[in-house]
Amino acid sequence: MTTKTTADRVQKHRAGLRAAGLRPVQIWVPDTRSTGFADECRRQSLALQGDPQETDMANWLEAAADTKGWE
């Protein structure tokens, strides 16, 4: 019996995904746990308050949302 390392299993898994026509993509997102994240979210939200384009977008999103079946 051959023992496969974690690296071998990962390589095989990734090869299978590539064979299925997929490719890896790395995405960096803000760390929601970082100090100041909530404050920055609040600052940006307040900056948009009363903005006519933001109001239009919010109205469009609400109209386009499929909320049937939500409670």
PDB file of N, CA and C in Angstrom:
ATOM      1  N   MET A   1       0.842  -1.182   0.000  1.00  0.00           N
ATOM      2  CA  MET A   1       0.000   0.000   0.000  1.00  0.00           C
ATOM      3  C   MET A   1       0.889   1.248   0.000  1.00  0.00           C
ATOM      4  N   THR A   2       0.578   2.185  -0.889  1.00  0.00           N
ATOM      5  CA  THR A   2       1.345   3.418  -0.987  1.00  0.00           C
ATOM      6  C   THR A   2       0.629   4.506  -0.201  1.00  0.00           C
ATOM      7  N   THR A   3       1.362   5.135   0.695  1.00  0.00           N
ATOM      8  CA  THR A   3       0.798   6.233   1.467  1.00  0.00           C
ATOM      9  C   THR A   3       1.012   7.524   0.702  1.00  0.00           C
ATOM     10  N   LYS A   4      -0.081   8.235   0.430  1.00  0.00           N
ATOM     11  CA  LYS A   4       0.026   9.499  -0.288  1.00  0.00           C
ATOM     12  C   LYS A   4       0.094  10.645   0.696  1.00  0.00           C
ATOM     13  N   THR A   5       0.925  11.577   0.361  1.00  0.00           N
ATOM     14  CA  THR A   5       1.034  12.759   1.203  1.00  0.00           C
ATOM     15  C   THR A   5      -0.134  13.697   0.908  1.00  0.00           C
ATOM     16  N   THR A   6      -0.304  14.653   1.769  1.00  0.00           N
ATOM     17  CA  THR A   6      -1.345  15.656   1.548  1.00  0.00           C
ATOM     18  C   THR A   6      -1.107  16.373   0.226  1.00  0.00           C
ATOM     19  N   ALA A   7       0.147  16.687  -0.062  1.00  0.00           N
ATOM     20  CA  ALA A   7       0.483  17.375  -1.312  1.00  0.00           C
ATOM     21  C   ALA A   7       0.078  16.533  -2.526  1.00  0.00           C
ATOM     22  N   ASP A   8       0.276  15.208  -2.446  1.00  0.00           N
ATOM     23  CA  ASP A   8      -0.119  14.322  -3.549  1.00  0.00           C
ATOM     24  C   ASP A   8      -1.632  14.344  -3.755  1.00  0.00           C
ATOM     25  N   ARG A   9      -2.375  14.287  -2.651  1.00  0.00           N
ATOM     26  CA  ARG A   9      -3.843  14.297  -2.748  1.00  0.00           C
ATOM     27  C   ARG A   9      -4.348  15.622  -3.314  1.00  0.00           C
ATOM     28  N   VAL A  10      -3.748  16.718  -2.873  1.00  0.00           N
ATOM     29  CA  VAL A  10      -4.146  18.036  -3.372  1.00  0.00           C
ATOM     30  C   VAL A  10      -3.844  18.145  -4.859  1.00  0.00           C
ATOM     31  N   GLN A  11      -2.657  17.683  -5.266  1.00  0.00           N
ATOM     32  CA  GLN A  11      -2.274  17.735  -6.675  1.00  0.00           C
ATOM     33  C   GLN A  11      -3.250  16.922  -7.536  1.00  0.00           C
ATOM     34  N   LYS A  12      -3.628  15.749  -7.070  1.00  0.00           N
ATOM     35  CA  LYS A  12      -4.577  14.908  -7.810  1.00  0.00           C
ATOM     36  C   LYS A  12      -5.940  15.595  -7.897  1.00  0.00           C
ATOM     37  N   HIS A  13      -6.385  16.175  -6.783  1.00  0.00           N
ATOM     38  CA  HIS A  13      -7.674  16.866  -6.762  1.00  0.00           C
ATOM     39  C   HIS A  13      -7.673  18.037  -7.741  1.00  0.00           C
ATOM     40  N   ARG A  14      -6.598  18.828  -7.722  1.00  0.00           N
ATOM     41  CA  ARG A  14      -6.510  19.977  -8.619  1.00  0.00           C
ATOM     42  C   ARG A  14      -6.429  19.551 -10.080  1.00  0.00           C
ATOM     43  N   ALA A  15      -5.739  18.458 -10.344  1.00  0.00           N
ATOM     44  CA  ALA A  15      -5.664  17.935 -11.718  1.00  0.00           C
ATOM     45  C   ALA A  15      -7.051  17.546 -12.208  1.00  0.00           C
ATOM     46  N   GLY A  16      -7.844  16.943 -11.325  1.00  0.00           N
ATOM     47  CA  GLY A  16      -9.213  16.575 -11.689  1.00  0.00           C
ATOM     48  C   GLY A  16     -10.063  17.798 -11.998  1.00  0.00           C
ATOM     49  N   LEU A  17      -9.897  18.834 -11.200  1.00  0.00           N
ATOM     50  CA  LEU A  17     -10.648  20.068 -11.447  1.00  0.00           C
ATOM     51  C   LEU A  17     -10.242  20.699 -12.774  1.00  0.00           C
ATOM     52  N   ARG A  18      -8.939  20.707 -13.052  1.00  0.00           N
ATOM     53  CA  ARG A  18      -8.474  21.256 -14.333  1.00  0.00           C
ATOM     54  C   ARG A  18      -9.008  20.416 -15.502  1.00  0.00           C
ATOM     55  N   ALA A  19      -9.019  19.098 -15.328  1.00  0.00           N
ATOM     56  CA  ALA A  19      -9.537  18.219 -16.380  1.00  0.00           C
ATOM     57  C   ALA A  19     -11.024  18.477 -16.628  1.00  0.00           C
ATOM     58  N   ALA A  20     -11.714  18.975 -15.603  1.00  0.00           N
ATOM     59  CA  ALA A  20     -13.135  19.297 -15.738  1.00  0.00           C
ATOM     60  C   ALA A  20     -13.339  20.688 -16.340  1.00  0.00           C
ATOM     61  N   GLY A  21     -12.247  21.350 -16.717  1.00  0.00           N
ATOM     62  CA  GLY A  21     -12.345  22.652 -17.362  1.00  0.00           C
ATOM     63  C   GLY A  21     -12.317  23.830 -16.402  1.00  0.00           C
ATOM     64  N   LEU A  22     -11.916  23.594 -15.166  1.00  0.00           N
ATOM     65  CA  LEU A  22     -11.852  24.678 -14.184  1.00  0.00           C
ATOM     66  C   LEU A  22     -10.419  25.161 -14.029  1.00  0.00           C
ATOM     67  N   ARG A  23     -10.268  26.365 -13.533  1.00  0.00           N
ATOM     68  CA  ARG A  23      -8.944  26.885 -13.253  1.00  0.00           C
ATOM     69  C   ARG A  23      -8.961  27.581 -11.901  1.00  0.00           C
ATOM     70  N   PRO A  24      -7.842  27.578 -11.201  1.00  0.00           N
ATOM     71  CA  PRO A  24      -7.808  28.207  -9.877  1.00  0.00           C
ATOM     72  C   PRO A  24      -7.765  29.737  -9.986  1.00  0.00           C
ATOM     73  N   VAL A  25      -8.438  30.375  -9.058  1.00  0.00           N
ATOM     74  CA  VAL A  25      -8.443  31.826  -8.978  1.00  0.00           C
ATOM     75  C   VAL A  25      -8.279  32.202  -7.510  1.00  0.00           C
ATOM     76  N   GLN A  26      -7.393  33.125  -7.230  1.00  0.00           N
ATOM     77  CA  GLN A  26      -7.200  33.582  -5.856  1.00  0.00           C
ATOM     78  C   GLN A  26      -7.861  34.940  -5.708  1.00  0.00           C
ATOM     79  N   ILE A  27      -8.674  35.087  -4.675  1.00  0.00           N
ATOM     80  CA  ILE A  27      -9.385  36.331  -4.430  1.00  0.00           C
ATOM     81  C   ILE A  27      -9.030  36.828  -3.030  1.00  0.00           C
ATOM     82  N   TRP A  28      -8.597  38.056  -2.957  1.00  0.00           N
ATOM     83  CA  TRP A  28      -8.287  38.672  -1.672  1.00  0.00           C
ATOM     84  C   TRP A  28      -9.466  39.542  -1.274  1.00  0.00           C
ATOM     85  N   VAL A  29      -9.954  39.348  -0.081  1.00  0.00           N
ATOM     86  CA  VAL A  29     -11.097  40.112   0.417  1.00  0.00           C
ATOM     87  C   VAL A  29     -10.725  40.767   1.746  1.00  0.00           C
ATOM     88  N   PRO A  30     -11.437  41.823   2.129  1.00  0.00           N
ATOM     89  CA  PRO A  30     -11.143  42.454   3.416  1.00  0.00           C
ATOM     90  C   PRO A  30     -11.320  41.475   4.576  1.00  0.00           C
ATOM     91  N   ASP A  31     -10.473  41.609   5.575  1.00  0.00           N
ATOM     92  CA  ASP A  31     -10.572  40.778   6.768  1.00  0.00           C
ATOM     93  C   ASP A  31     -11.609  41.400   7.693  1.00  0.00           C
ATOM     94  N   THR A  32     -12.765  40.770   7.775  1.00  0.00           N
ATOM     95  CA  THR A  32     -13.866  41.310   8.574  1.00  0.00           C
ATOM     96  C   THR A  32     -13.559  41.289  10.068  1.00  0.00           C
ATOM     97  N   ARG A  33     -12.501  40.586  10.455  1.00  0.00           N
ATOM     98  CA  ARG A  33     -12.123  40.523  11.871  1.00  0.00           C
ATOM     99  C   ARG A  33     -11.161  41.636  12.266  1.00  0.00           C
ATOM    100  N   SER A  34     -10.658  42.369  11.290  1.00  0.00           N
ATOM    101  CA  SER A  34      -9.638  43.371  11.583  1.00  0.00           C
ATOM    102  C   SER A  34     -10.227  44.565  12.335  1.00  0.00           C
ATOM    103  N   THR A  35      -9.369  45.186  13.123  1.00  0.00           N
ATOM    104  CA  THR A  35      -9.755  46.390  13.849  1.00  0.00           C
ATOM    105  C   THR A  35     -10.106  47.480  12.847  1.00  0.00           C
ATOM    106  N   GLY A  36     -11.220  48.107  13.047  1.00  0.00           N
ATOM    107  CA  GLY A  36     -11.609  49.213  12.180  1.00  0.00           C
ATOM    108  C   GLY A  36     -12.493  48.818  11.018  1.00  0.00           C
ATOM    109  N   PHE A  37     -12.697  47.522  10.789  1.00  0.00           N
ATOM    110  CA  PHE A  37     -13.514  47.097   9.644  1.00  0.00           C
ATOM    111  C   PHE A  37     -14.940  47.630   9.772  1.00  0.00           C
ATOM    112  N   ALA A  38     -15.556  47.439  10.928  1.00  0.00           N
ATOM    113  CA  ALA A  38     -16.937  47.895  11.132  1.00  0.00           C
ATOM    114  C   ALA A  38     -17.027  49.414  11.008  1.00  0.00           C
ATOM    115  N   ASP A  39     -16.035  50.125  11.527  1.00  0.00           N
ATOM    116  CA  ASP A  39     -16.032  51.586  11.427  1.00  0.00           C
ATOM    117  C   ASP A  39     -15.953  52.038   9.972  1.00  0.00           C
ATOM    118  N   GLU A  40     -15.136  51.355   9.172  1.00  0.00           N
ATOM    119  CA  GLU A  40     -15.017  51.712   7.756  1.00  0.00           C
ATOM    120  C   GLU A  40     -16.302  51.410   7.009  1.00  0.00           C
ATOM    121  N   CYS A  41     -16.960  50.305   7.341  1.00  0.00           N
ATOM    122  CA  CYS A  41     -18.256  49.984   6.719  1.00  0.00           C
ATOM    123  C   CYS A  41     -19.275  51.081   7.030  1.00  0.00           C
ATOM    124  N   ARG A  42     -19.295  51.489   8.294  1.00  0.00           N
ATOM    125  CA  ARG A  42     -20.227  52.546   8.699  1.00  0.00           C
ATOM    126  C   ARG A  42     -19.894  53.858   7.972  1.00  0.00           C
ATOM    127  N   ARG A  43     -18.624  54.205   7.874  1.00  0.00           N
ATOM    128  CA  ARG A  43     -18.224  55.435   7.196  1.00  0.00           C
ATOM    129  C   ARG A  43     -18.687  55.439   5.745  1.00  0.00           C
ATOM    130  N   GLN A  44     -18.471  54.308   5.060  1.00  0.00           N
ATOM    131  CA  GLN A  44     -18.872  54.226   3.653  1.00  0.00           C
ATOM    132  C   GLN A  44     -20.386  54.269   3.492  1.00  0.00           C
ATOM    133  N   SER A  45     -21.095  53.605   4.394  1.00  0.00           N
ATOM    134  CA  SER A  45     -22.559  53.621   4.337  1.00  0.00           C
ATOM    135  C   SER A  45     -23.099  55.032   4.539  1.00  0.00           C
ATOM    136  N   LEU A  46     -22.543  55.740   5.512  1.00  0.00           N
ATOM    137  CA  LEU A  46     -22.993  57.107   5.778  1.00  0.00           C
ATOM    138  C   LEU A  46     -22.654  58.035   4.609  1.00  0.00           C
ATOM    139  N   ALA A  47     -21.542  57.767   3.922  1.00  0.00           N
ATOM    140  CA  ALA A  47     -21.154  58.586   2.777  1.00  0.00           C
ATOM    141  C   ALA A  47     -22.161  58.452   1.633  1.00  0.00           C
ATOM    142  N   LEU A  48     -22.836  57.321   1.554  1.00  0.00           N
ATOM    143  CA  LEU A  48     -23.818  57.083   0.493  1.00  0.00           C
ATOM    144  C   LEU A  48     -25.229  57.525   0.875  1.00  0.00           C
ATOM    145  N   GLN A  49     -25.427  57.830   2.123  1.00  0.00           N
ATOM    146  CA  GLN A  49     -26.755  58.207   2.605  1.00  0.00           C
ATOM    147  C   GLN A  49     -27.257  59.433   1.847  1.00  0.00           C
ATOM    148  N   GLY A  50     -28.435  59.310   1.248  1.00  0.00           N
ATOM    149  CA  GLY A  50     -29.029  60.422   0.517  1.00  0.00           C
ATOM    150  C   GLY A  50     -28.529  60.585  -0.907  1.00  0.00           C
ATOM    151  N   ASP A  51     -27.598  59.748  -1.341  1.00  0.00           N
ATOM    152  CA  ASP A  51     -27.083  59.828  -2.706  1.00  0.00           C
ATOM    153  C   ASP A  51     -28.155  59.326  -3.675  1.00  0.00           C
ATOM    154  N   PRO A  52     -28.554  60.130  -4.666  1.00  0.00           N
ATOM    155  CA  PRO A  52     -29.626  59.723  -5.581  1.00  0.00           C
ATOM    156  C   PRO A  52     -29.304  58.455  -6.369  1.00  0.00           C
ATOM    157  N   GLN A  53     -28.052  58.287  -6.781  1.00  0.00           N
ATOM    158  CA  GLN A  53     -27.694  57.074  -7.527  1.00  0.00           C
ATOM    159  C   GLN A  53     -27.784  55.841  -6.625  1.00  0.00           C
ATOM    160  N   GLU A  54     -27.394  55.995  -5.380  1.00  0.00           N
ATOM    161  CA  GLU A  54     -27.491  54.879  -4.439  1.00  0.00           C
ATOM    162  C   GLU A  54     -28.951  54.519  -4.198  1.00  0.00           C
ATOM    163  N   THR A  55     -29.808  55.516  -4.094  1.00  0.00           N
ATOM    164  CA  THR A  55     -31.242  55.271  -3.919  1.00  0.00           C
ATOM    165  C   THR A  55     -31.803  54.535  -5.126  1.00  0.00           C
ATOM    166  N   ASP A  56     -31.438  54.982  -6.324  1.00  0.00           N
ATOM    167  CA  ASP A  56     -31.892  54.302  -7.550  1.00  0.00           C
ATOM    168  C   ASP A  56     -31.436  52.847  -7.570  1.00  0.00           C
ATOM    169  N   MET A  57     -30.178  52.619  -7.210  1.00  0.00           N
ATOM    170  CA  MET A  57     -29.644  51.263  -7.218  1.00  0.00           C
ATOM    171  C   MET A  57     -30.353  50.391  -6.188  1.00  0.00           C
ATOM    172  N   ALA A  58     -30.572  50.921  -4.997  1.00  0.00           N
ATOM    173  CA  ALA A  58     -31.258  50.164  -3.947  1.00  0.00           C
ATOM    174  C   ALA A  58     -32.682  49.809  -4.385  1.00  0.00           C
ATOM    175  N   ASN A  59     -33.353  50.761  -5.019  1.00  0.00           N
ATOM    176  CA  ASN A  59     -34.712  50.494  -5.507  1.00  0.00           C
ATOM    177  C   ASN A  59     -34.705  49.421  -6.589  1.00  0.00           C
ATOM    178  N   TRP A  60     -33.725  49.483  -7.489  1.00  0.00           N
ATOM    179  CA  TRP A  60     -33.625  48.487  -8.547  1.00  0.00           C
ATOM    180  C   TRP A  60     -33.360  47.097  -7.964  1.00  0.00           C
ATOM    181  N   LEU A  61     -32.426  47.029  -7.016  1.00  0.00           N
ATOM    182  CA  LEU A  61     -32.121  45.736  -6.389  1.00  0.00           C
ATOM    183  C   LEU A  61     -33.332  45.158  -5.690  1.00  0.00           C
ATOM    184  N   GLU A  62     -34.079  45.996  -5.006  1.00  0.00           N
ATOM    185  CA  GLU A  62     -35.281  45.529  -4.313  1.00  0.00           C
ATOM    186  C   GLU A  62     -36.310  45.005  -5.303  1.00  0.00           C
ATOM    187  N   ALA A  63     -36.476  45.692  -6.419  1.00  0.00           N
ATOM    188  CA  ALA A  63     -37.446  45.268  -7.431  1.00  0.00           C
ATOM    189  C   ALA A  63     -36.987  43.988  -8.131  1.00  0.00           C
ATOM    190  N   ALA A  64     -35.679  43.833  -8.324  1.00  0.00           N
ATOM    191  CA  ALA A  64     -35.147  42.679  -9.057  1.00  0.00           C
ATOM    192  C   ALA A  64     -34.998  41.437  -8.177  1.00  0.00           C
ATOM    193  N   ALA A  65     -34.993  41.608  -6.873  1.00  0.00           N
ATOM    194  CA  ALA A  65     -34.751  40.484  -5.965  1.00  0.00           C
ATOM    195  C   ALA A  65     -35.902  39.490  -6.010  1.00  0.00           C
ATOM    196  N   ASP A  66     -35.533  38.224  -6.016  1.00  0.00           N
ATOM    197  CA  ASP A  66     -36.530  37.150  -5.953  1.00  0.00           C
ATOM    198  C   ASP A  66     -36.610  36.691  -4.504  1.00  0.00           C
ATOM    199  N   THR A  67     -37.579  37.245  -3.785  1.00  0.00           N
ATOM    200  CA  THR A  67     -37.706  36.925  -2.363  1.00  0.00           C
ATOM    201  C   THR A  67     -38.904  36.011  -2.094  1.00  0.00           C
ATOM    202  N   LYS A  68     -39.462  35.451  -3.156  1.00  0.00           N
ATOM    203  CA  LYS A  68     -40.605  34.552  -2.978  1.00  0.00           C
ATOM    204  C   LYS A  68     -40.191  33.362  -2.130  1.00  0.00           C
ATOM    205  N   GLY A  69     -40.947  33.084  -1.100  1.00  0.00           N
ATOM    206  CA  GLY A  69     -40.637  31.964  -0.227  1.00  0.00           C
ATOM    207  C   GLY A  69     -39.805  32.329   0.991  1.00  0.00           C
ATOM    208  N   TRP A  70     -39.344  33.581   1.057  1.00  0.00           N
ATOM    209  CA  TRP A  70     -38.587  34.027   2.226  1.00  0.00           C
ATOM    210  C   TRP A  70     -39.555  34.281   3.370  1.00  0.00           C
ATOM    211  N   GLU A  71     -39.090  34.099   4.548  1.00  0.00           N
ATOM    212  CA  GLU A  71     -39.936  34.391   5.719  1.00  0.00           C
ATOM    213  C   GLU A  71     -39.427  35.594   6.443  1.00  0.00           C
TER     214      GLU A  71
END
